[in-house]
Amino acid sequence: MLPPRKNQHDYDGTIYKQRNLLERMFCRLKEWRRIATRFDRNGKNIMSAITLAATVIWWL
């Protein structure tokens, strides 16, 4: 078993919360098969699919 850490590292709680929120959003987007596998090769089409998926996720 490791001994307890003597020095606590400082961190910014607001940045940590924002990063966590962003990572959870990407995990939810990856549940959509079309976005996770990137069927669309055109940048405009993939951005529209991401926007649609994000809207549906936010709505639910």
PDB file of N, CA and C in Angstrom:
ATOM      1  N   MET A   1       0.837  -1.173   0.000  1.00  0.00           N
ATOM      2  CA  MET A   1       0.000   0.000   0.000  1.00  0.00           C
ATOM      3  C   MET A   1       0.882   1.235   0.000  1.00  0.00           C
ATOM      4  N   LEU A   2       0.461   2.240  -0.775  1.00  0.00           N
ATOM      5  CA  LEU A   2       1.236   3.468  -0.871  1.00  0.00           C
ATOM      6  C   LEU A   2       0.971   4.379   0.326  1.00  0.00           C
ATOM      7  N   PRO A   3       2.010   5.051   0.781  1.00  0.00           N
ATOM      8  CA  PRO A   3       1.787   6.009   1.884  1.00  0.00           C
ATOM      9  C   PRO A   3       0.996   7.212   1.369  1.00  0.00           C
ATOM     10  N   PRO A   4       0.277   7.902   2.250  1.00  0.00           N
ATOM     11  CA  PRO A   4      -0.489   9.069   1.799  1.00  0.00           C
ATOM     12  C   PRO A   4       0.424  10.163   1.265  1.00  0.00           C
ATOM     13  N   ARG A   5      -0.074  10.883   0.300  1.00  0.00           N
ATOM     14  CA  ARG A   5       0.705  11.952  -0.319  1.00  0.00           C
ATOM     15  C   ARG A   5       0.872  13.104   0.668  1.00  0.00           C
ATOM     16  N   LYS A   6       2.090  13.581   0.820  1.00  0.00           N
ATOM     17  CA  LYS A   6       2.360  14.662   1.764  1.00  0.00           C
ATOM     18  C   LYS A   6       2.076  16.028   1.155  1.00  0.00           C
ATOM     19  N   ASN A   7       2.376  16.181  -0.117  1.00  0.00           N
ATOM     20  CA  ASN A   7       2.162  17.468  -0.774  1.00  0.00           C
ATOM     21  C   ASN A   7       0.923  17.391  -1.655  1.00  0.00           C
ATOM     22  N   GLN A   8      -0.037  18.247  -1.375  1.00  0.00           N
ATOM     23  CA  GLN A   8      -1.223  18.325  -2.214  1.00  0.00           C
ATOM     24  C   GLN A   8      -0.942  19.266  -3.377  1.00  0.00           C
ATOM     25  N   HIS A   9      -1.266  18.827  -4.576  1.00  0.00           N
ATOM     26  CA  HIS A   9      -1.057  19.648  -5.757  1.00  0.00           C
ATOM     27  C   HIS A   9      -2.226  20.615  -5.912  1.00  0.00           C
ATOM     28  N   ASP A  10      -1.915  21.845  -6.249  1.00  0.00           N
ATOM     29  CA  ASP A  10      -2.950  22.836  -6.481  1.00  0.00           C
ATOM     30  C   ASP A  10      -3.538  22.646  -7.881  1.00  0.00           C
ATOM     31  N   TYR A  11      -4.815  22.892  -7.992  1.00  0.00           N
ATOM     32  CA  TYR A  11      -5.475  22.835  -9.284  1.00  0.00           C
ATOM     33  C   TYR A  11      -6.638  23.822  -9.277  1.00  0.00           C
ATOM     34  N   ASP A  12      -7.045  24.225 -10.474  1.00  0.00           N
ATOM     35  CA  ASP A  12      -8.156  25.155 -10.616  1.00  0.00           C
ATOM     36  C   ASP A  12      -9.437  24.347 -10.794  1.00  0.00           C
ATOM     37  N   GLY A  13     -10.326  24.444  -9.841  1.00  0.00           N
ATOM     38  CA  GLY A  13     -11.552  23.651  -9.851  1.00  0.00           C
ATOM     39  C   GLY A  13     -12.473  23.966 -11.007  1.00  0.00           C
ATOM     40  N   THR A  14     -12.541  25.231 -11.420  1.00  0.00           N
ATOM     41  CA  THR A  14     -13.437  25.591 -12.524  1.00  0.00           C
ATOM     42  C   THR A  14     -12.952  25.014 -13.846  1.00  0.00           C
ATOM     43  N   ILE A  15     -11.655  25.044 -14.076  1.00  0.00           N
ATOM     44  CA  ILE A  15     -11.102  24.456 -15.308  1.00  0.00           C
ATOM     45  C   ILE A  15     -11.326  22.947 -15.308  1.00  0.00           C
ATOM     46  N   TYR A  16     -11.160  22.307 -14.156  1.00  0.00           N
ATOM     47  CA  TYR A  16     -11.371  20.874 -14.039  1.00  0.00           C
ATOM     48  C   TYR A  16     -12.818  20.519 -14.355  1.00  0.00           C
ATOM     49  N   LYS A  17     -13.781  21.307 -13.859  1.00  0.00           N
ATOM     50  CA  LYS A  17     -15.194  21.052 -14.130  1.00  0.00           C
ATOM     51  C   LYS A  17     -15.514  21.235 -15.604  1.00  0.00           C
ATOM     52  N   GLN A  18     -14.950  22.258 -16.232  1.00  0.00           N
ATOM     53  CA  GLN A  18     -15.197  22.493 -17.655  1.00  0.00           C
ATOM     54  C   GLN A  18     -14.617  21.371 -18.499  1.00  0.00           C
ATOM     55  N   ARG A  19     -13.437  20.899 -18.130  1.00  0.00           N
ATOM     56  CA  ARG A  19     -12.809  19.798 -18.871  1.00  0.00           C
ATOM     57  C   ARG A  19     -13.642  18.528 -18.743  1.00  0.00           C
ATOM     58  N   ASN A  20     -14.144  18.262 -17.539  1.00  0.00           N
ATOM     59  CA  ASN A  20     -14.970  17.088 -17.309  1.00  0.00           C
ATOM     60  C   ASN A  20     -16.252  17.164 -18.137  1.00  0.00           C
ATOM     61  N   LEU A  21     -16.867  18.332 -18.203  1.00  0.00           N
ATOM     62  CA  LEU A  21     -18.077  18.522 -18.983  1.00  0.00           C
ATOM     63  C   LEU A  21     -17.819  18.261 -20.466  1.00  0.00           C
ATOM     64  N   LEU A  22     -16.705  18.760 -20.961  1.00  0.00           N
ATOM     65  CA  LEU A  22     -16.348  18.576 -22.365  1.00  0.00           C
ATOM     66  C   LEU A  22     -16.064  17.108 -22.680  1.00  0.00           C
ATOM     67  N   GLU A  23     -15.366  16.413 -21.790  1.00  0.00           N
ATOM     68  CA  GLU A  23     -15.068  14.999 -22.008  1.00  0.00           C
ATOM     69  C   GLU A  23     -16.342  14.156 -22.003  1.00  0.00           C
ATOM     70  N   ARG A  24     -17.279  14.478 -21.111  1.00  0.00           N
ATOM     71  CA  ARG A  24     -18.548  13.753 -21.094  1.00  0.00           C
ATOM     72  C   ARG A  24     -19.347  13.997 -22.373  1.00  0.00           C
ATOM     73  N   MET A  25     -19.275  15.233 -22.910  1.00  0.00           N
ATOM     74  CA  MET A  25     -19.970  15.529 -24.155  1.00  0.00           C
ATOM     75  C   MET A  25     -19.417  14.679 -25.302  1.00  0.00           C
ATOM     76  N   PHE A  26     -18.087  14.567 -25.386  1.00  0.00           N
ATOM     77  CA  PHE A  26     -17.486  13.764 -26.448  1.00  0.00           C
ATOM     78  C   PHE A  26     -17.835  12.286 -26.287  1.00  0.00           C
ATOM     79  N   CYS A  27     -17.937  11.797 -25.069  1.00  0.00           N
ATOM     80  CA  CYS A  27     -18.335  10.400 -24.855  1.00  0.00           C
ATOM     81  C   CYS A  27     -19.756  10.168 -25.334  1.00  0.00           C
ATOM     82  N   ARG A  28     -20.636  11.129 -25.084  1.00  0.00           N
ATOM     83  CA  ARG A  28     -22.013  10.996 -25.558  1.00  0.00           C
ATOM     84  C   ARG A  28     -22.086  11.078 -27.068  1.00  0.00           C
ATOM     85  N   LEU A  29     -21.280  11.926 -27.667  1.00  0.00           N
ATOM     86  CA  LEU A  29     -21.278  12.015 -29.134  1.00  0.00           C
ATOM     87  C   LEU A  29     -20.761  10.737 -29.773  1.00  0.00           C
ATOM     88  N   LYS A  30     -19.805  10.080 -29.129  1.00  0.00           N
ATOM     89  CA  LYS A  30     -19.244   8.857 -29.694  1.00  0.00           C
ATOM     90  C   LYS A  30     -20.220   7.685 -29.645  1.00  0.00           C
ATOM     91  N   GLU A  31     -21.303   7.827 -28.883  1.00  0.00           N
ATOM     92  CA  GLU A  31     -22.317   6.790 -28.874  1.00  0.00           C
ATOM     93  C   GLU A  31     -23.081   6.762 -30.192  1.00  0.00           C
ATOM     94  N   TRP A  32     -23.061   7.839 -30.927  1.00  0.00           N
ATOM     95  CA  TRP A  32     -23.712   7.906 -32.235  1.00  0.00           C
ATOM     96  C   TRP A  32     -22.769   7.259 -33.244  1.00  0.00           C
ATOM     97  N   ARG A  33     -23.197   6.180 -33.850  1.00  0.00           N
ATOM     98  CA  ARG A  33     -22.339   5.392 -34.731  1.00  0.00           C
ATOM     99  C   ARG A  33     -21.834   6.202 -35.919  1.00  0.00           C
ATOM    100  N   ARG A  34     -22.684   7.025 -36.497  1.00  0.00           N
ATOM    101  CA  ARG A  34     -22.301   7.802 -37.670  1.00  0.00           C
ATOM    102  C   ARG A  34     -21.144   8.752 -37.349  1.00  0.00           C
ATOM    103  N   ILE A  35     -21.140   9.304 -36.159  1.00  0.00           N
ATOM    104  CA  ILE A  35     -20.082  10.238 -35.783  1.00  0.00           C
ATOM    105  C   ILE A  35     -18.821   9.495 -35.349  1.00  0.00           C
ATOM    106  N   ALA A  36     -19.003   8.395 -34.608  1.00  0.00           N
ATOM    107  CA  ALA A  36     -17.847   7.651 -34.110  1.00  0.00           C
ATOM    108  C   ALA A  36     -17.036   7.038 -35.254  1.00  0.00           C
ATOM    109  N   THR A  37     -17.709   6.582 -36.320  1.00  0.00           N
ATOM    110  CA  THR A  37     -16.996   5.943 -37.425  1.00  0.00           C
ATOM    111  C   THR A  37     -16.661   6.904 -38.552  1.00  0.00           C
ATOM    112  N   ARG A  38     -17.176   8.131 -38.482  1.00  0.00           N
ATOM    113  CA  ARG A  38     -16.893   9.183 -39.470  1.00  0.00           C
ATOM    114  C   ARG A  38     -17.214   8.722 -40.892  1.00  0.00           C
ATOM    115  N   PHE A  39     -18.462   8.335 -41.110  1.00  0.00           N
ATOM    116  CA  PHE A  39     -18.886   7.935 -42.451  1.00  0.00           C
ATOM    117  C   PHE A  39     -18.769   9.085 -43.443  1.00  0.00           C
ATOM    118  N   ASP A  40     -19.075  10.303 -42.997  1.00  0.00           N
ATOM    119  CA  ASP A  40     -19.034  11.458 -43.883  1.00  0.00           C
ATOM    120  C   ASP A  40     -17.603  11.946 -44.034  1.00  0.00           C
ATOM    121  N   ARG A  41     -17.170  12.118 -45.242  1.00  0.00           N
ATOM    122  CA  ARG A  41     -15.809  12.603 -45.492  1.00  0.00           C
ATOM    123  C   ARG A  41     -15.771  14.106 -45.698  1.00  0.00           C
ATOM    124  N   ASN A  42     -16.918  14.687 -46.009  1.00  0.00           N
ATOM    125  CA  ASN A  42     -16.994  16.120 -46.231  1.00  0.00           C
ATOM    126  C   ASN A  42     -17.104  16.828 -44.878  1.00  0.00           C
ATOM    127  N   GLY A  43     -16.329  17.870 -44.684  1.00  0.00           N
ATOM    128  CA  GLY A  43     -16.321  18.591 -43.412  1.00  0.00           C
ATOM    129  C   GLY A  43     -17.662  19.200 -43.065  1.00  0.00           C
ATOM    130  N   LYS A  44     -18.356  19.695 -44.072  1.00  0.00           N
ATOM    131  CA  LYS A  44     -19.668  20.305 -43.842  1.00  0.00           C
ATOM    132  C   LYS A  44     -20.673  19.256 -43.363  1.00  0.00           C
ATOM    133  N   ASN A  45     -20.628  18.060 -43.942  1.00  0.00           N
ATOM    134  CA  ASN A  45     -21.560  17.001 -43.553  1.00  0.00           C
ATOM    135  C   ASN A  45     -21.292  16.488 -42.145  1.00  0.00           C
ATOM    136  N   ILE A  46     -20.033  16.311 -41.786  1.00  0.00           N
ATOM    137  CA  ILE A  46     -19.728  15.791 -40.447  1.00  0.00           C
ATOM    138  C   ILE A  46     -20.086  16.822 -39.380  1.00  0.00           C
ATOM    139  N   MET A  47     -19.857  18.118 -39.675  1.00  0.00           N
ATOM    140  CA  MET A  47     -20.222  19.151 -38.702  1.00  0.00           C
ATOM    141  C   MET A  47     -21.733  19.237 -38.537  1.00  0.00           C
ATOM    142  N   SER A  48     -22.484  19.031 -39.612  1.00  0.00           N
ATOM    143  CA  SER A  48     -23.942  19.049 -39.490  1.00  0.00           C
ATOM    144  C   SER A  48     -24.428  17.841 -38.686  1.00  0.00           C
ATOM    145  N   ALA A  49     -23.792  16.689 -38.858  1.00  0.00           N
ATOM    146  CA  ALA A  49     -24.166  15.499 -38.085  1.00  0.00           C
ATOM    147  C   ALA A  49     -23.846  15.698 -36.605  1.00  0.00           C
ATOM    148  N   ILE A  50     -22.691  16.295 -36.307  1.00  0.00           N
ATOM    149  CA  ILE A  50     -22.322  16.570 -34.915  1.00  0.00           C
ATOM    150  C   ILE A  50     -23.291  17.565 -34.294  1.00  0.00           C
ATOM    151  N   THR A  51     -23.659  18.595 -35.057  1.00  0.00           N
ATOM    152  CA  THR A  51     -24.601  19.591 -34.554  1.00  0.00           C
ATOM    153  C   THR A  51     -25.961  18.959 -34.276  1.00  0.00           C
ATOM    154  N   LEU A  52     -26.419  18.113 -35.181  1.00  0.00           N
ATOM    155  CA  LEU A  52     -27.693  17.439 -34.986  1.00  0.00           C
ATOM    156  C   LEU A  52     -27.656  16.527 -33.755  1.00  0.00           C
ATOM    157  N   ALA A  53     -26.583  15.744 -33.607  1.00  0.00           N
ATOM    158  CA  ALA A  53     -26.463  14.844 -32.466  1.00  0.00           C
ATOM    159  C   ALA A  53     -26.380  15.628 -31.152  1.00  0.00           C
ATOM    160  N   ALA A  54     -25.624  16.717 -31.147  1.00  0.00           N
ATOM    161  CA  ALA A  54     -25.501  17.525 -29.940  1.00  0.00           C
ATOM    162  C   ALA A  54     -26.840  18.144 -29.556  1.00  0.00           C
ATOM    163  N   THR A  55     -27.614  18.547 -30.554  1.00  0.00           N
ATOM    164  CA  THR A  55     -28.931  19.118 -30.283  1.00  0.00           C
ATOM    165  C   THR A  55     -29.870  18.079 -29.680  1.00  0.00           C
ATOM    166  N   VAL A  56     -29.856  16.882 -30.224  1.00  0.00           N
ATOM    167  CA  VAL A  56     -30.709  15.812 -29.704  1.00  0.00           C
ATOM    168  C   VAL A  56     -30.277  15.435 -28.293  1.00  0.00           C
ATOM    169  N   ILE A  57     -28.986  15.333 -28.046  1.00  0.00           N
ATOM    170  CA  ILE A  57     -28.483  15.005 -26.712  1.00  0.00           C
ATOM    171  C   ILE A  57     -28.889  16.082 -25.711  1.00  0.00           C
ATOM    172  N   TRP A  58     -28.780  17.345 -26.103  1.00  0.00           N
ATOM    173  CA  TRP A  58     -29.129  18.448 -25.215  1.00  0.00           C
ATOM    174  C   TRP A  58     -30.619  18.464 -24.949  1.00  0.00           C
ATOM    175  N   TRP A  59     -31.421  18.130 -25.977  1.00  0.00           N
ATOM    176  CA  TRP A  59     -32.864  18.153 -25.852  1.00  0.00           C
ATOM    177  C   TRP A  59     -33.345  17.084 -24.876  1.00  0.00           C
ATOM    178  N   LEU A  60     -32.703  15.922 -24.901  1.00  0.00           N
ATOM    179  CA  LEU A  60     -33.117  14.817 -24.030  1.00  0.00           C
ATOM    180  C   LEU A  60     -32.527  15.038 -22.682  1.00  0.00           C
TER     181      LEU A  60
END
